[in-house]
Amino acid sequence: MAIEGNYTLRTKSTPLLTDVVFESAKKIANPDPLELEAGRKSVYDTWVVRRPDPNEPGLPLMQFIGSGSDYKGFQHNIGIPCMDTRYTHDNSTIGEPQYHTLYETFALASEIYDKGFHYHTAVAAMWGDLAVVLSESKVFKHLCNS
C-alpha cells in the first residue's frame, strides 16, 4: 500500500536503514501544495514537522518494524533488514476505513485520496531512490547504535 492518507510520510524500518531512509526522504519532492507554500520542499521536511520523534528533537518519527505484515519472515526468520513506507493520515482522524473491503478501489484512490497520484508518485520515487542507493553503494553507511 503506497498511501492511506495524504498528511505525511510514515515509515517503519529496522534501525540499520534509518539513516538511508532519512537521506532518501530529503531528496523526494513534496507533493503537498500547502506544504510547498510553507517552505517545506521535501517529504522529509513535512515528515519532521507533522510527525516529529518525541525522543529525538529535530528528527521525524521512525517506527521500528514489527511482526504484523509480510516482512516478518524476512526480518525475524532470516535477518534481512526491512522497511515499510507510505503516506498516512493525521493521527487525529480515523485510519483508512475501506482497507480490505470491496470499497478499496482505483476510484477511491484516484478521485478521493490522491487526485493526480502525486502522493503515490512521491512514495514510488522514494522506493526507487532507496533501491538505487542500496544496490549501487559500494559501502553501505549505517549506524549500529541507531
N, C-alpha and C. Protein backbone atom coordinates (compact mmCIF):
# COMPACT_ATOMS: atom_id res chain seq x y z
N MET A 1 0.85 -1.16 0.00
CA MET A 1 0.00 0.00 0.00
C MET A 1 0.91 1.23 0.00
N ALA A 2 0.71 2.12 -0.95
CA ALA A 2 1.54 3.32 -1.06
C ALA A 2 1.00 4.46 -0.21
N ILE A 3 -0.31 4.55 -0.08
CA ILE A 3 -0.88 5.62 0.74
C ILE A 3 -2.07 5.10 1.53
N GLU A 4 -2.29 5.72 2.67
CA GLU A 4 -3.50 5.51 3.45
C GLU A 4 -4.01 6.86 3.93
N GLY A 5 -3.52 7.90 3.28
CA GLY A 5 -3.86 9.28 3.59
C GLY A 5 -2.89 10.19 2.85
N ASN A 6 -3.02 11.49 3.07
CA ASN A 6 -2.12 12.43 2.38
C ASN A 6 -1.59 13.50 3.34
N TYR A 7 -1.40 13.11 4.59
CA TYR A 7 -0.95 14.05 5.62
C TYR A 7 0.58 14.10 5.73
N THR A 8 1.21 12.95 5.85
CA THR A 8 2.67 12.90 5.99
C THR A 8 3.19 11.50 5.69
N LEU A 9 4.48 11.40 5.53
CA LEU A 9 5.13 10.12 5.35
C LEU A 9 5.09 9.36 6.67
N ARG A 10 4.94 8.05 6.59
CA ARG A 10 5.02 7.17 7.77
C ARG A 10 5.93 6.02 7.37
N THR A 11 7.00 5.84 8.12
CA THR A 11 7.95 4.79 7.78
C THR A 11 8.26 3.95 9.00
N LYS A 12 8.25 2.64 8.79
CA LYS A 12 8.72 1.68 9.79
C LYS A 12 9.93 1.00 9.17
N SER A 13 10.93 0.75 10.00
CA SER A 13 12.17 0.20 9.45
C SER A 13 12.97 -0.50 10.54
N THR A 14 13.91 -1.31 10.11
CA THR A 14 14.92 -1.80 11.03
C THR A 14 15.89 -0.65 11.28
N PRO A 15 16.51 -0.60 12.44
CA PRO A 15 17.41 0.51 12.75
C PRO A 15 18.54 0.69 11.73
N LEU A 16 19.01 -0.37 11.11
CA LEU A 16 20.11 -0.25 10.14
C LEU A 16 19.74 0.62 8.94
N LEU A 17 18.46 0.76 8.64
CA LEU A 17 18.05 1.52 7.46
C LEU A 17 17.63 2.95 7.79
N THR A 18 17.60 3.32 9.04
CA THR A 18 17.09 4.64 9.44
C THR A 18 17.77 5.78 8.69
N ASP A 19 19.08 5.82 8.70
CA ASP A 19 19.79 6.95 8.08
C ASP A 19 19.57 7.02 6.58
N VAL A 20 19.59 5.89 5.90
CA VAL A 20 19.40 5.89 4.45
C VAL A 20 17.97 6.31 4.10
N VAL A 21 17.01 5.95 4.94
CA VAL A 21 15.62 6.37 4.72
C VAL A 21 15.50 7.88 4.89
N PHE A 22 16.10 8.43 5.93
CA PHE A 22 16.07 9.88 6.14
C PHE A 22 16.69 10.61 4.95
N GLU A 23 17.83 10.15 4.48
CA GLU A 23 18.51 10.81 3.35
C GLU A 23 17.67 10.73 2.08
N SER A 24 17.03 9.60 1.86
CA SER A 24 16.17 9.46 0.68
C SER A 24 14.98 10.40 0.75
N ALA A 25 14.34 10.48 1.91
CA ALA A 25 13.16 11.35 2.08
C ALA A 25 13.50 12.81 1.83
N LYS A 26 14.75 13.20 2.11
CA LYS A 26 15.18 14.58 1.86
C LYS A 26 15.28 14.89 0.37
N LYS A 27 15.40 13.87 -0.48
CA LYS A 27 15.55 14.06 -1.92
C LYS A 27 14.21 14.10 -2.66
N ILE A 28 13.14 13.67 -2.02
CA ILE A 28 11.86 13.49 -2.71
C ILE A 28 11.02 14.76 -2.59
N ALA A 29 10.59 15.26 -3.74
CA ALA A 29 9.78 16.48 -3.79
C ALA A 29 8.47 16.31 -3.03
N ASN A 30 8.10 17.34 -2.31
CA ASN A 30 6.88 17.34 -1.53
C ASN A 30 5.67 17.41 -2.46
N PRO A 31 4.72 16.48 -2.36
CA PRO A 31 3.55 16.51 -3.22
C PRO A 31 2.43 17.42 -2.73
N ASP A 32 2.57 17.98 -1.54
CA ASP A 32 1.51 18.78 -0.92
C ASP A 32 1.71 20.26 -1.23
N PRO A 33 0.82 20.87 -2.04
CA PRO A 33 0.99 22.28 -2.41
C PRO A 33 1.02 23.23 -1.21
N LEU A 34 0.24 22.94 -0.18
CA LEU A 34 0.24 23.81 1.01
C LEU A 34 1.56 23.72 1.76
N GLU A 35 2.14 22.55 1.78
CA GLU A 35 3.44 22.38 2.43
C GLU A 35 4.53 23.08 1.63
N LEU A 36 4.43 23.05 0.32
CA LEU A 36 5.39 23.76 -0.53
C LEU A 36 5.31 25.26 -0.27
N GLU A 37 4.09 25.78 -0.14
CA GLU A 37 3.90 27.20 0.17
C GLU A 37 4.52 27.57 1.52
N ALA A 38 4.52 26.61 2.44
CA ALA A 38 5.09 26.83 3.78
C ALA A 38 6.62 26.67 3.78
N GLY A 39 7.19 26.38 2.61
CA GLY A 39 8.65 26.26 2.51
C GLY A 39 9.20 24.87 2.74
N ARG A 40 8.31 23.89 2.85
CA ARG A 40 8.76 22.52 3.06
C ARG A 40 8.83 21.81 1.71
N LYS A 41 10.01 21.75 1.14
CA LYS A 41 10.20 21.29 -0.23
C LYS A 41 10.27 19.78 -0.39
N SER A 42 10.61 19.05 0.66
CA SER A 42 10.75 17.60 0.55
C SER A 42 9.75 16.89 1.45
N VAL A 43 9.54 15.60 1.20
CA VAL A 43 8.66 14.83 2.07
C VAL A 43 9.26 14.74 3.48
N TYR A 44 10.58 14.78 3.58
CA TYR A 44 11.24 14.79 4.89
C TYR A 44 10.85 16.03 5.68
N ASP A 45 10.83 17.18 5.01
CA ASP A 45 10.51 18.44 5.69
C ASP A 45 9.12 18.39 6.34
N THR A 46 8.16 17.83 5.64
CA THR A 46 6.81 17.71 6.20
C THR A 46 6.78 16.64 7.27
N TRP A 47 7.45 15.54 7.04
CA TRP A 47 7.50 14.43 8.00
C TRP A 47 8.03 14.90 9.35
N VAL A 48 9.11 15.66 9.36
CA VAL A 48 9.72 16.10 10.62
C VAL A 48 8.83 17.11 11.35
N VAL A 49 8.00 17.85 10.62
CA VAL A 49 7.09 18.82 11.25
C VAL A 49 5.80 18.13 11.71
N ARG A 50 5.24 17.29 10.87
CA ARG A 50 3.93 16.71 11.17
C ARG A 50 3.98 15.43 12.02
N ARG A 51 5.12 14.76 12.02
CA ARG A 51 5.25 13.56 12.85
C ARG A 51 6.65 13.51 13.45
N PRO A 52 6.94 14.45 14.37
CA PRO A 52 8.28 14.50 14.97
C PRO A 52 8.51 13.35 15.95
N ASP A 53 9.75 12.99 16.11
CA ASP A 53 10.12 11.96 17.09
C ASP A 53 10.16 12.62 18.47
N PRO A 54 9.33 12.17 19.40
CA PRO A 54 9.31 12.80 20.72
C PRO A 54 10.61 12.59 21.51
N ASN A 55 11.40 11.59 21.14
CA ASN A 55 12.64 11.30 21.86
C ASN A 55 13.88 11.86 21.18
N GLU A 56 13.74 12.29 19.93
CA GLU A 56 14.88 12.81 19.16
C GLU A 56 14.47 14.13 18.51
N PRO A 57 14.56 15.25 19.23
CA PRO A 57 14.16 16.54 18.65
C PRO A 57 14.88 16.82 17.34
N GLY A 58 14.13 17.30 16.36
CA GLY A 58 14.70 17.62 15.06
C GLY A 58 14.67 16.48 14.07
N LEU A 59 14.20 15.31 14.49
CA LEU A 59 14.10 14.16 13.58
C LEU A 59 12.64 13.74 13.46
N PRO A 60 12.28 13.17 12.32
CA PRO A 60 10.92 12.62 12.20
C PRO A 60 10.82 11.30 12.94
N LEU A 61 9.61 10.91 13.28
CA LEU A 61 9.39 9.64 13.96
C LEU A 61 9.64 8.49 13.00
N MET A 62 10.57 7.63 13.35
CA MET A 62 10.83 6.40 12.61
C MET A 62 10.43 5.26 13.52
N GLN A 63 9.38 4.57 13.15
CA GLN A 63 8.93 3.45 13.96
C GLN A 63 9.75 2.22 13.58
N PHE A 64 9.96 1.34 14.55
CA PHE A 64 10.65 0.10 14.24
C PHE A 64 9.64 -0.92 13.72
N ILE A 65 10.08 -1.67 12.78
CA ILE A 65 9.22 -2.64 12.12
C ILE A 65 8.91 -3.78 13.10
N GLY A 66 7.70 -4.25 13.06
CA GLY A 66 7.29 -5.32 13.96
C GLY A 66 7.02 -6.61 13.21
N SER A 67 6.02 -7.31 13.64
CA SER A 67 5.74 -8.62 13.03
C SER A 67 4.38 -8.67 12.35
N GLY A 68 3.76 -7.52 12.13
CA GLY A 68 2.39 -7.51 11.66
C GLY A 68 2.19 -7.49 10.16
N SER A 69 3.15 -7.94 9.37
CA SER A 69 2.94 -7.92 7.93
C SER A 69 3.82 -8.95 7.24
N ASP A 70 3.88 -8.86 5.91
CA ASP A 70 4.58 -9.85 5.10
C ASP A 70 6.08 -9.88 5.32
N TYR A 71 6.65 -8.82 5.87
CA TYR A 71 8.09 -8.79 6.05
C TYR A 71 8.56 -9.60 7.25
N LYS A 72 7.65 -10.10 8.07
CA LYS A 72 8.02 -10.86 9.27
C LYS A 72 8.98 -11.99 8.96
N GLY A 73 8.71 -12.76 7.93
CA GLY A 73 9.56 -13.89 7.59
C GLY A 73 10.98 -13.48 7.23
N PHE A 74 11.10 -12.35 6.55
CA PHE A 74 12.43 -11.86 6.17
C PHE A 74 13.19 -11.34 7.39
N GLN A 75 12.51 -10.50 8.15
CA GLN A 75 13.15 -9.85 9.29
C GLN A 75 13.43 -10.81 10.44
N HIS A 76 12.43 -11.53 10.89
CA HIS A 76 12.55 -12.31 12.11
C HIS A 76 13.13 -13.70 11.88
N ASN A 77 12.92 -14.25 10.70
CA ASN A 77 13.40 -15.61 10.46
C ASN A 77 14.79 -15.66 9.86
N ILE A 78 15.12 -14.73 8.93
CA ILE A 78 16.43 -14.82 8.29
C ILE A 78 17.25 -13.53 8.40
N GLY A 79 16.76 -12.55 9.13
CA GLY A 79 17.56 -11.37 9.48
C GLY A 79 17.80 -10.36 8.38
N ILE A 80 16.93 -10.29 7.40
CA ILE A 80 17.08 -9.30 6.33
C ILE A 80 16.44 -7.99 6.78
N PRO A 81 17.18 -6.87 6.73
CA PRO A 81 16.59 -5.59 7.10
C PRO A 81 15.39 -5.26 6.21
N CYS A 82 14.34 -4.75 6.81
CA CYS A 82 13.10 -4.46 6.09
C CYS A 82 12.62 -3.05 6.41
N MET A 83 11.74 -2.56 5.54
CA MET A 83 11.09 -1.28 5.81
C MET A 83 9.72 -1.24 5.17
N ASP A 84 8.91 -0.35 5.66
CA ASP A 84 7.56 -0.14 5.15
C ASP A 84 7.33 1.36 5.17
N THR A 85 7.14 1.96 4.01
CA THR A 85 6.92 3.41 3.97
C THR A 85 5.68 3.72 3.14
N ARG A 86 4.97 4.73 3.57
CA ARG A 86 3.74 5.13 2.88
C ARG A 86 3.35 6.54 3.33
N TYR A 87 2.44 7.14 2.62
CA TYR A 87 1.81 8.37 3.11
C TYR A 87 0.65 7.95 3.97
N THR A 88 0.44 8.68 5.06
CA THR A 88 -0.60 8.31 6.01
C THR A 88 -1.45 9.52 6.39
N HIS A 89 -2.45 9.27 7.18
CA HIS A 89 -3.41 10.28 7.63
C HIS A 89 -2.92 10.94 8.92
N ASP A 90 -3.56 12.02 9.27
CA ASP A 90 -3.32 12.69 10.55
C ASP A 90 -3.81 11.76 11.66
N ASN A 91 -3.05 11.65 12.73
CA ASN A 91 -3.44 10.76 13.82
C ASN A 91 -4.75 11.15 14.48
N SER A 92 -5.20 12.38 14.27
CA SER A 92 -6.46 12.81 14.88
C SER A 92 -7.67 12.29 14.10
N THR A 93 -7.44 11.68 12.94
CA THR A 93 -8.54 11.12 12.16
C THR A 93 -8.49 9.60 12.18
N ILE A 94 -9.58 9.01 11.81
CA ILE A 94 -9.64 7.55 11.70
C ILE A 94 -8.80 7.13 10.51
N GLY A 95 -8.23 5.96 10.59
CA GLY A 95 -7.41 5.43 9.51
C GLY A 95 -8.18 5.24 8.22
N GLU A 96 -7.83 4.27 7.47
CA GLU A 96 -8.48 4.02 6.19
C GLU A 96 -9.60 3.00 6.40
N PRO A 97 -10.84 3.46 6.57
CA PRO A 97 -11.93 2.53 6.89
C PRO A 97 -12.28 1.57 5.75
N GLN A 98 -11.84 1.87 4.54
CA GLN A 98 -12.15 0.99 3.41
C GLN A 98 -11.11 -0.12 3.22
N TYR A 99 -10.05 -0.11 4.01
CA TYR A 99 -8.96 -1.08 3.86
C TYR A 99 -9.50 -2.51 3.94
N HIS A 100 -9.15 -3.31 2.95
CA HIS A 100 -9.56 -4.72 2.84
C HIS A 100 -11.08 -4.88 2.71
N THR A 101 -11.72 -3.92 2.06
CA THR A 101 -13.15 -4.05 1.77
C THR A 101 -13.35 -3.95 0.26
N LEU A 102 -14.57 -4.16 -0.17
CA LEU A 102 -14.89 -4.01 -1.60
C LEU A 102 -14.83 -2.57 -2.06
N TYR A 103 -14.76 -1.63 -1.11
CA TYR A 103 -14.74 -0.21 -1.45
C TYR A 103 -13.33 0.34 -1.66
N GLU A 104 -12.33 -0.47 -1.40
CA GLU A 104 -10.95 -0.06 -1.62
C GLU A 104 -10.65 -0.26 -3.11
N THR A 105 -10.92 0.78 -3.90
CA THR A 105 -10.87 0.66 -5.35
C THR A 105 -9.95 1.71 -5.97
N PHE A 106 -9.73 1.55 -7.26
CA PHE A 106 -8.97 2.53 -8.02
C PHE A 106 -9.66 3.90 -7.95
N ALA A 107 -10.98 3.90 -8.04
CA ALA A 107 -11.72 5.17 -7.99
C ALA A 107 -11.51 5.87 -6.65
N LEU A 108 -11.49 5.12 -5.57
CA LEU A 108 -11.26 5.70 -4.25
C LEU A 108 -9.89 6.39 -4.21
N ALA A 109 -8.87 5.71 -4.71
CA ALA A 109 -7.52 6.29 -4.71
C ALA A 109 -7.42 7.48 -5.66
N SER A 110 -7.96 7.33 -6.87
CA SER A 110 -7.76 8.35 -7.90
C SER A 110 -8.68 9.56 -7.77
N GLU A 111 -9.81 9.41 -7.11
CA GLU A 111 -10.78 10.50 -7.03
C GLU A 111 -10.88 11.14 -5.64
N ILE A 112 -10.51 10.40 -4.61
CA ILE A 112 -10.68 10.93 -3.25
C ILE A 112 -9.34 11.10 -2.54
N TYR A 113 -8.56 10.05 -2.44
CA TYR A 113 -7.31 10.11 -1.67
C TYR A 113 -6.21 10.88 -2.36
N ASP A 114 -6.08 10.70 -3.68
CA ASP A 114 -4.87 11.22 -4.33
C ASP A 114 -5.13 11.56 -5.80
N LYS A 115 -5.91 12.63 -6.02
CA LYS A 115 -6.16 13.07 -7.40
C LYS A 115 -4.84 13.43 -8.05
N GLY A 116 -4.58 12.82 -9.19
CA GLY A 116 -3.32 13.05 -9.90
C GLY A 116 -2.19 12.14 -9.46
N PHE A 117 -2.43 11.34 -8.45
CA PHE A 117 -1.45 10.37 -7.93
C PHE A 117 -0.13 11.00 -7.52
N HIS A 118 -0.18 12.20 -6.97
CA HIS A 118 1.04 12.90 -6.55
C HIS A 118 1.68 12.24 -5.32
N TYR A 119 0.85 11.78 -4.39
CA TYR A 119 1.38 11.13 -3.19
C TYR A 119 1.90 9.73 -3.52
N HIS A 120 1.18 9.02 -4.38
CA HIS A 120 1.68 7.73 -4.86
C HIS A 120 3.03 7.89 -5.54
N THR A 121 3.15 8.93 -6.35
CA THR A 121 4.40 9.19 -7.07
C THR A 121 5.54 9.47 -6.11
N ALA A 122 5.27 10.23 -5.07
CA ALA A 122 6.32 10.54 -4.08
C ALA A 122 6.80 9.27 -3.38
N VAL A 123 5.87 8.41 -3.00
CA VAL A 123 6.26 7.15 -2.34
C VAL A 123 7.04 6.26 -3.31
N ALA A 124 6.59 6.18 -4.56
CA ALA A 124 7.31 5.37 -5.55
C ALA A 124 8.71 5.93 -5.80
N ALA A 125 8.83 7.25 -5.84
CA ALA A 125 10.15 7.87 -6.04
C ALA A 125 11.07 7.56 -4.86
N MET A 126 10.51 7.53 -3.67
CA MET A 126 11.34 7.21 -2.51
C MET A 126 11.80 5.76 -2.57
N TRP A 127 10.89 4.85 -2.89
CA TRP A 127 11.27 3.44 -3.03
C TRP A 127 12.34 3.28 -4.12
N GLY A 128 12.18 4.00 -5.22
CA GLY A 128 13.16 3.93 -6.30
C GLY A 128 14.51 4.44 -5.87
N ASP A 129 14.53 5.57 -5.18
CA ASP A 129 15.79 6.11 -4.69
C ASP A 129 16.46 5.14 -3.73
N LEU A 130 15.70 4.57 -2.83
CA LEU A 130 16.26 3.61 -1.88
C LEU A 130 16.83 2.39 -2.60
N ALA A 131 16.13 1.92 -3.63
CA ALA A 131 16.63 0.77 -4.40
C ALA A 131 17.97 1.09 -5.05
N VAL A 132 18.08 2.27 -5.63
CA VAL A 132 19.34 2.67 -6.28
C VAL A 132 20.45 2.80 -5.24
N VAL A 133 20.19 3.52 -4.17
CA VAL A 133 21.22 3.74 -3.14
C VAL A 133 21.68 2.41 -2.54
N LEU A 134 20.74 1.55 -2.19
CA LEU A 134 21.11 0.29 -1.54
C LEU A 134 21.79 -0.69 -2.49
N SER A 135 21.46 -0.62 -3.78
CA SER A 135 22.06 -1.57 -4.72
C SER A 135 23.37 -1.09 -5.32
N GLU A 136 23.59 0.23 -5.38
CA GLU A 136 24.78 0.74 -6.03
C GLU A 136 25.88 1.22 -5.08
N SER A 137 25.58 1.33 -3.82
CA SER A 137 26.60 1.78 -2.87
C SER A 137 27.66 0.70 -2.67
N LYS A 138 28.91 1.09 -2.84
CA LYS A 138 30.00 0.13 -2.61
C LYS A 138 30.16 -0.12 -1.12
N VAL A 139 29.92 0.92 -0.34
CA VAL A 139 29.96 0.80 1.11
C VAL A 139 28.64 1.33 1.63
N PHE A 140 27.94 0.52 2.38
CA PHE A 140 26.67 0.93 2.94
C PHE A 140 26.92 1.53 4.32
N LYS A 141 26.72 2.83 4.43
CA LYS A 141 26.96 3.52 5.70
C LYS A 141 25.72 3.41 6.58
N HIS A 142 25.92 2.88 7.75
CA HIS A 142 24.83 2.81 8.71
C HIS A 142 25.40 2.91 10.11
N LEU A 143 24.57 3.31 11.02
CA LEU A 143 24.98 3.42 12.41
C LEU A 143 24.36 2.27 13.20
N CYS A 144 25.17 1.45 13.77
CA CYS A 144 24.65 0.31 14.53
C CYS A 144 24.06 0.71 15.87
N ASN A 145 24.27 1.95 16.26
CA ASN A 145 23.70 2.40 17.53
C ASN A 145 22.39 3.14 17.34
N SER A 146 21.87 3.20 16.12
CA SER A 146 20.61 3.89 15.85
C SER A 146 19.47 3.18 16.53
